[in-house]
């Protein structure tokens, strides 16, 4: 028979006493509480710094932007040390440009690599079709309702609008850009395309350690403003950039194009991104050849697409927040709290 262990027997009391006097490991609550408080303070500091920049007129922002850059970087780096954030500045390895082959684009999710450098005229065609159909219908109505010569004159006048628009589009297409863009935004799919494009810039910049100051998905313009006052000043003032400075800028510049190439069969928003990239590549010292510039462009799209594939969950969450018009702080939290998504 086995000896019975009661609550007062030595066989029971001995291990219980040992357990009582043994050192206890720190509880997760005691450790997590200060970390959560520090994270709250860090996000609060970021919010205050960005609010100060936003309140100032454009002429007074440069100095405040530099101060905000330091505050935001320090806050995010402090949270990274405590593992509160994991996505921020997570690229790690030094960037090295390489040749990228067509098969590698498909491996990172790019649907049609050939569409990246080919300007799209889909929105222009839809706009012209809408103008032609609407003015033709209106001309028929006017001709049928107005009496005598007034009907004929009105029909000819309204019908000529489509010809005038076509003439302007053929000779000075830039003049119709705003009208075409506003017309295109009626389509929910196009609005989501814009959100995916700008979220690509936002996320890739964040992953590469470049903080975001603000963003805009407005009807007149869509853009993400990064807190890189010193680099922007060097670009605008025509100073030379090293290879080390150019490669991350190239990736961030092409991340919107990469986002569209991953999400859609056709890329529509590459014009502005390619212009920004060309302006950056023109500042490289030593000067890049045409072949090296093309190689850099292809590599930048590929690298940005690989980041978006790795952080697909964060990209999805960020897109939704940006479509809602959420503050930058909420966007940062969405990135860090997003679930991991397995992408084949």
Protein backbone atom coordinates (compact mmCIF):
# COMPACT_ATOMS: atom_id res chain seq x y z
CA UNK A 1 0.00 0.00 0.00
CA UNK A 2 1.17 3.57 -0.73
CA UNK A 3 1.46 6.01 2.25
CA UNK A 4 -1.36 8.56 2.29
CA UNK A 5 -0.33 12.21 1.90
CA UNK A 6 -2.52 14.59 3.86
CA UNK A 7 -2.39 18.36 4.07
CA UNK A 8 -0.48 18.13 7.37
CA UNK A 9 1.87 15.23 6.63
CA UNK A 10 5.64 15.93 6.27
CA UNK A 11 5.56 14.38 2.81
CA UNK A 12 3.14 17.10 1.70
CA UNK A 13 4.52 20.05 3.69
CA UNK A 14 8.12 19.70 2.53
CA UNK A 15 7.57 20.31 -1.18
CA UNK A 16 4.99 22.96 -0.43
CA UNK A 17 7.48 24.87 1.72
CA UNK A 18 10.09 24.53 -0.98
CA UNK A 19 7.68 25.96 -3.51
CA UNK A 20 6.82 28.84 -1.19
CA UNK A 21 10.45 29.90 -0.69
CA UNK A 22 11.60 29.28 -4.26
CA UNK A 23 12.20 32.48 -6.32
CA UNK A 24 9.30 33.28 -8.59
CA UNK A 25 9.86 34.30 -12.20
CA UNK A 26 8.65 37.80 -13.07
CA UNK A 27 5.12 37.80 -14.38
CA UNK A 28 4.38 38.92 -17.92
CA UNK A 29 2.09 41.63 -16.61
CA UNK A 30 4.88 43.28 -14.60
CA UNK A 31 7.15 43.34 -17.66
CA UNK A 32 4.54 44.20 -20.27
CA UNK A 33 2.99 47.13 -18.42
CA UNK A 34 6.07 49.43 -18.59
CA UNK A 35 6.63 48.44 -22.23
CA UNK A 36 3.06 49.31 -23.11
CA UNK A 37 3.40 52.62 -21.27
CA UNK A 38 6.66 53.39 -23.10
CA UNK A 39 5.03 52.55 -26.44
CA UNK A 40 2.12 54.84 -25.64
CA UNK A 41 4.54 57.65 -24.81
CA UNK A 42 6.50 57.03 -28.02
CA UNK A 43 3.41 57.10 -30.22
CA UNK A 44 2.28 60.22 -28.37
CA UNK A 45 5.61 61.94 -29.09
CA UNK A 46 5.29 61.06 -32.78
CA UNK A 47 1.76 62.41 -32.90
CA UNK A 48 2.79 65.70 -31.28
CA UNK A 49 5.79 66.14 -33.60
CA UNK A 50 3.71 65.55 -36.73
CA UNK A 51 0.96 67.86 -35.49
CA UNK A 52 3.47 70.69 -35.03
CA UNK A 53 4.62 70.33 -38.64
CA UNK A 54 1.07 70.27 -39.94
CA UNK A 55 0.10 73.45 -38.10
CA UNK A 56 2.89 75.55 -39.64
CA UNK A 57 2.67 77.34 -43.00
CA UNK A 58 4.82 75.75 -45.74
CA UNK A 59 7.48 78.47 -45.49
CA UNK A 60 8.16 77.63 -41.83
CA UNK A 61 8.11 73.85 -42.09
CA UNK A 62 11.69 72.88 -43.15
CA UNK A 63 13.28 73.37 -39.71
CA UNK A 64 10.36 71.75 -37.92
CA UNK A 65 10.50 68.85 -40.36
CA UNK A 66 14.10 68.15 -39.39
CA UNK A 67 13.20 68.20 -35.70
CA UNK A 68 10.20 65.95 -36.35
CA UNK A 69 12.40 63.51 -38.26
CA UNK A 70 14.66 63.11 -35.22
CA UNK A 71 11.71 62.71 -32.83
CA UNK A 72 9.93 60.13 -34.98
CA UNK A 73 13.08 58.12 -35.68
CA UNK A 74 14.11 58.08 -32.02
CA UNK A 75 10.63 57.02 -30.91
CA UNK A 76 10.40 54.18 -33.43
CA UNK A 77 13.96 53.02 -32.72
CA UNK A 78 13.24 52.99 -28.98
CA UNK A 79 10.18 50.80 -29.56
CA UNK A 80 12.24 48.52 -31.79
CA UNK A 81 14.74 47.97 -28.97
CA UNK A 82 11.92 46.74 -26.71
CA UNK A 83 10.44 44.66 -29.56
CA UNK A 84 7.26 46.75 -29.47
CA UNK A 85 7.61 47.26 -33.23
CA UNK A 86 9.04 44.69 -35.61
CA UNK A 87 8.32 45.97 -39.13
CA UNK A 88 10.02 49.36 -38.74
CA UNK A 89 13.48 49.46 -40.37
CA UNK A 90 13.50 45.68 -40.76
CA UNK A 91 15.39 45.37 -44.06
CA UNK A 92 18.65 44.87 -42.21
CA UNK A 93 21.10 43.81 -44.92
CA UNK A 94 22.93 46.37 -47.02
CA UNK A 95 21.24 46.94 -50.37
CA UNK A 96 23.04 45.70 -53.46
CA UNK A 97 21.76 46.22 -56.97
CA UNK A 98 21.62 43.20 -59.26
CA UNK A 99 20.28 42.07 -62.62
CA UNK A 100 16.64 41.00 -62.39
CA UNK A 101 15.24 38.53 -64.90
CA UNK A 102 11.56 38.25 -65.95
CA UNK A 103 11.04 35.03 -63.99
CA UNK A 104 12.07 36.78 -60.78
CA UNK A 105 9.29 39.35 -61.17
CA UNK A 106 6.66 36.62 -61.19
CA UNK A 107 8.25 35.06 -58.10
CA UNK A 108 7.52 38.21 -56.07
CA UNK A 109 3.97 38.51 -57.37
CA UNK A 110 4.31 40.94 -60.29
CA UNK A 111 1.58 40.06 -62.79
CA UNK A 112 2.83 41.76 -65.94
CA UNK A 113 6.33 43.21 -65.79
CA UNK A 114 6.03 44.66 -69.30
CA UNK A 115 3.26 47.03 -68.18
CA UNK A 116 5.57 48.79 -65.71
CA UNK A 117 7.28 50.99 -68.29
CA UNK A 118 4.37 51.27 -70.69
CA UNK A 119 2.14 54.34 -70.14
CA UNK A 120 -1.52 53.43 -69.85
CA UNK A 121 -4.17 55.20 -71.91
CA UNK A 122 -7.13 53.29 -70.44
CA UNK A 123 -8.42 56.21 -68.39
CA UNK A 124 -7.99 58.61 -71.32
CA UNK A 125 -10.01 56.32 -73.59
CA UNK A 126 -12.78 55.95 -71.01
CA UNK A 127 -12.90 59.72 -70.52
CA UNK A 128 -13.13 60.43 -74.25
CA UNK A 129 -15.82 57.78 -74.67
CA UNK A 130 -17.85 59.29 -71.82
CA UNK A 131 -17.51 62.82 -73.25
CA UNK A 132 -18.47 61.69 -76.76
CA UNK A 133 -21.47 59.66 -75.62
CA UNK A 134 -22.80 62.31 -73.24
CA UNK A 135 -22.40 65.23 -75.65
CA UNK A 136 -23.91 63.24 -78.52
CA UNK A 137 -26.94 62.32 -76.44
CA UNK A 138 -27.33 65.90 -75.24
CA UNK A 139 -27.03 67.22 -78.80
CA UNK A 140 -29.85 64.92 -79.94
CA UNK A 141 -32.07 66.09 -77.07
CA UNK A 142 -31.36 69.77 -77.76
CA UNK A 143 -31.96 69.35 -81.50
CA UNK A 144 -35.29 67.66 -80.86
CA UNK A 145 -36.59 70.06 -78.21
CA UNK A 146 -35.48 73.55 -79.27
CA UNK A 147 -37.45 75.18 -82.09
CA UNK A 148 -36.11 75.92 -85.57
CA UNK A 149 -32.54 77.07 -86.05
CA UNK A 150 -31.95 77.17 -82.29
CA UNK A 151 -32.18 73.40 -82.14
CA UNK A 152 -29.76 72.90 -85.02
CA UNK A 153 -27.31 75.49 -83.68
CA UNK A 154 -27.42 74.02 -80.17
CA UNK A 155 -26.92 70.49 -81.45
CA UNK A 156 -23.88 71.49 -83.54
CA UNK A 157 -22.42 73.49 -80.65
CA UNK A 158 -22.76 70.70 -78.09
CA UNK A 159 -21.62 68.06 -80.55
CA UNK A 160 -18.45 70.06 -81.16
CA UNK A 161 -17.42 69.78 -77.51
CA UNK A 162 -16.11 66.25 -78.01
CA UNK A 163 -14.06 67.43 -81.01
CA UNK A 164 -12.59 70.27 -78.94
CA UNK A 165 -11.68 67.88 -76.11
CA UNK A 166 -10.09 65.50 -78.60
CA UNK A 167 -8.05 68.35 -80.10
CA UNK A 168 -6.80 69.46 -76.68
CA UNK A 169 -5.95 65.88 -75.73
CA UNK A 170 -3.95 65.42 -78.92
CA UNK A 171 -1.96 68.66 -78.71
CA UNK A 172 -1.67 69.25 -74.95
CA UNK A 173 -2.64 66.09 -73.03
CA UNK A 174 -1.38 67.54 -69.76
CA UNK A 175 -4.26 70.03 -69.76
CA UNK A 176 -6.76 67.17 -69.50
CA UNK A 177 -4.90 65.30 -66.76
CA UNK A 178 -6.93 66.76 -63.88
CA UNK A 179 -10.23 66.19 -65.68
CA UNK A 180 -9.32 62.61 -66.57
CA UNK A 181 -8.15 61.88 -63.03
CA UNK A 182 -11.31 63.28 -61.46
CA UNK A 183 -13.46 61.34 -63.88
CA UNK A 184 -11.53 58.13 -63.15
CA UNK A 185 -12.02 58.51 -59.40
CA UNK A 186 -15.73 57.90 -59.88
CA UNK A 187 -14.76 54.25 -60.29
CA UNK A 188 -14.29 52.53 -56.86
CA UNK A 189 -11.67 50.22 -58.36
CA UNK A 190 -9.58 53.21 -59.43
CA UNK A 191 -9.84 54.74 -55.95
CA UNK A 192 -8.63 51.47 -54.47
CA UNK A 193 -5.80 51.41 -57.01
CA UNK A 194 -4.68 54.82 -55.72
CA UNK A 195 -4.88 53.61 -52.12
CA UNK A 196 -2.84 50.48 -52.93
CA UNK A 197 -0.27 52.60 -54.78
CA UNK A 198 0.22 55.09 -51.94
CA UNK A 199 0.13 52.37 -49.28
CA UNK A 200 2.98 50.74 -51.18
CA UNK A 201 5.07 53.90 -50.84
CA UNK A 202 4.12 54.23 -47.16
CA UNK A 203 4.89 50.63 -46.18
CA UNK A 204 8.11 50.19 -48.15
CA UNK A 205 9.47 53.47 -46.78
CA UNK A 206 8.57 52.38 -43.25
CA UNK A 207 10.21 48.96 -43.68
CA UNK A 208 13.37 50.66 -44.97
CA UNK A 209 13.55 53.03 -42.01
CA UNK A 210 12.17 56.19 -43.62
CA UNK A 211 9.37 57.64 -41.47
CA UNK A 212 6.18 59.07 -42.97
CA UNK A 213 5.00 62.55 -42.03
CA UNK A 214 1.66 62.64 -43.82
CA UNK A 215 -0.30 61.28 -46.75
CA UNK A 216 -3.14 62.40 -49.00
CA UNK A 217 -5.57 60.45 -51.17
CA UNK A 218 -7.46 63.59 -52.14
CA UNK A 219 -9.22 64.23 -55.41
CA UNK A 220 -6.59 66.67 -56.72
CA UNK A 221 -3.45 64.83 -55.67
CA UNK A 222 -2.34 61.60 -54.06
CA UNK A 223 1.00 61.36 -52.32
CA UNK A 224 2.94 60.25 -49.26
CA UNK A 225 5.25 62.75 -47.55
CA UNK A 226 8.35 61.23 -45.99
CA UNK A 227 10.38 62.82 -43.21
CA UNK A 228 13.66 63.07 -45.09
CA UNK A 229 14.28 66.80 -45.11
CA UNK A 230 18.06 66.56 -45.60
CA UNK A 231 17.89 64.19 -48.57
CA UNK A 232 15.07 66.16 -50.19
CA UNK A 233 17.10 69.34 -49.83
CA UNK A 234 20.09 67.66 -51.49
CA UNK A 235 17.92 66.50 -54.40
CA UNK A 236 16.22 69.85 -54.95
CA UNK A 237 19.48 71.79 -54.63
CA UNK A 238 21.19 69.58 -57.20
CA UNK A 239 23.77 68.03 -54.86
CA UNK A 240 25.29 64.68 -55.75
CA UNK A 241 24.11 61.47 -54.10
CA UNK A 242 26.12 58.36 -53.37
CA UNK A 243 25.11 54.85 -54.41
CA UNK A 244 24.35 54.08 -50.77
CA UNK A 245 21.86 56.96 -50.65
CA UNK A 246 20.31 56.30 -54.05
CA UNK A 247 19.38 52.62 -53.77
CA UNK A 248 16.85 52.93 -50.90
CA UNK A 249 15.41 56.06 -52.52
CA UNK A 250 15.00 54.17 -55.79
CA UNK A 251 13.13 51.35 -54.04
CA UNK A 252 10.80 53.78 -52.27
CA UNK A 253 10.22 55.74 -55.48
CA UNK A 254 9.15 52.61 -57.38
CA UNK A 255 7.18 51.01 -54.56
CA UNK A 256 3.90 52.51 -55.78
CA UNK A 257 4.49 51.05 -59.23
CA UNK A 258 5.39 47.72 -57.63
CA UNK A 259 2.16 47.81 -55.63
CA UNK A 260 0.07 48.27 -58.76
CA UNK A 261 2.05 45.62 -60.64
CA UNK A 262 1.36 43.11 -57.85
CA UNK A 263 -2.32 43.97 -57.45
CA UNK A 264 -3.42 44.69 -61.04
CA UNK A 265 -2.70 43.46 -64.56
CA UNK A 266 -2.07 47.02 -65.77
CA UNK A 267 0.02 49.78 -64.15
CA UNK A 268 -1.44 53.28 -64.49
CA UNK A 269 0.41 55.47 -61.99
CA UNK A 270 4.01 55.03 -63.11
CA UNK A 271 4.57 58.44 -64.75
CA UNK A 272 5.15 60.46 -61.57
CA UNK A 273 7.16 57.68 -59.92
CA UNK A 274 9.45 57.28 -62.92
CA UNK A 275 9.94 61.05 -63.04
CA UNK A 276 10.94 61.11 -59.36
CA UNK A 277 13.31 58.20 -59.87
CA UNK A 278 14.93 59.83 -62.90
CA UNK A 279 15.48 63.01 -60.91
CA UNK A 280 17.23 60.94 -58.23
CA UNK A 281 19.34 58.93 -60.68
CA UNK A 282 20.54 62.15 -62.30
CA UNK A 283 22.20 63.05 -58.97
CA UNK A 284 24.28 59.88 -58.65
CA UNK A 285 28.03 60.28 -58.41
CA UNK A 286 29.67 58.64 -60.30
CA UNK A 287 27.16 59.05 -63.14
CA UNK A 288 25.19 55.95 -64.15
CA UNK A 289 24.99 54.81 -67.75
CA UNK A 290 21.62 54.32 -69.44
CA UNK A 291 21.93 50.55 -68.98
CA UNK A 292 22.72 50.97 -65.27
CA UNK A 293 19.73 53.27 -64.83
CA UNK A 294 17.43 50.70 -66.44
CA UNK A 295 18.94 47.99 -64.28
CA UNK A 296 18.37 50.10 -61.17
CA UNK A 297 14.75 50.73 -62.13
CA UNK A 298 14.00 47.03 -62.67
CA UNK A 299 15.79 46.05 -59.48
CA UNK A 300 13.95 48.72 -57.46
CA UNK A 301 10.55 47.45 -58.63
CA UNK A 302 11.53 43.86 -57.88
CA UNK A 303 12.87 44.68 -54.42
CA UNK A 304 9.81 46.77 -53.50
CA UNK A 305 7.51 43.97 -54.68
CA UNK A 306 9.41 41.48 -52.51
CA UNK A 307 8.84 43.70 -49.46
CA UNK A 308 5.13 43.96 -50.22
CA UNK A 309 4.92 40.19 -50.60
CA UNK A 310 6.67 39.62 -47.28
CA UNK A 311 4.43 42.10 -45.46
CA UNK A 312 1.19 41.45 -47.35
CA UNK A 313 -0.92 41.54 -44.18
CA UNK A 314 0.51 44.91 -43.16
CA UNK A 315 -0.03 46.26 -46.68
CA UNK A 316 -3.68 45.18 -46.63
CA UNK A 317 -4.29 46.68 -43.18
CA UNK A 318 -2.53 49.92 -44.11
CA UNK A 319 -4.57 50.27 -47.31
CA UNK A 320 -7.81 50.03 -45.35
CA UNK A 321 -6.65 52.64 -42.83
CA UNK A 322 -5.55 55.05 -45.55
CA UNK A 323 -8.88 54.68 -47.34
CA UNK A 324 -10.57 55.60 -44.06
CA UNK A 325 -8.36 58.69 -43.76
CA UNK A 326 -6.87 57.50 -40.47
CA UNK A 327 -4.06 59.52 -38.80
CA UNK A 328 -0.47 58.47 -39.42
CA UNK A 329 -0.24 57.02 -35.90
CA UNK A 330 -3.16 54.68 -36.56
CA UNK A 331 -1.52 53.64 -39.82
CA UNK A 332 1.71 52.78 -38.01
CA UNK A 333 -0.17 50.71 -35.45
CA UNK A 334 -2.06 48.92 -38.22
CA UNK A 335 1.24 47.96 -39.84
CA UNK A 336 2.73 46.61 -36.63
CA UNK A 337 -0.41 44.80 -35.45
CA UNK A 338 -1.32 43.22 -38.79
CA UNK A 339 -1.42 39.41 -38.92
CA UNK A 340 1.08 37.54 -41.03
CA UNK A 341 -0.33 36.49 -44.39
CA UNK A 342 1.13 33.54 -46.27
CA UNK A 343 1.54 34.37 -49.96
CA UNK A 344 2.51 31.72 -52.47
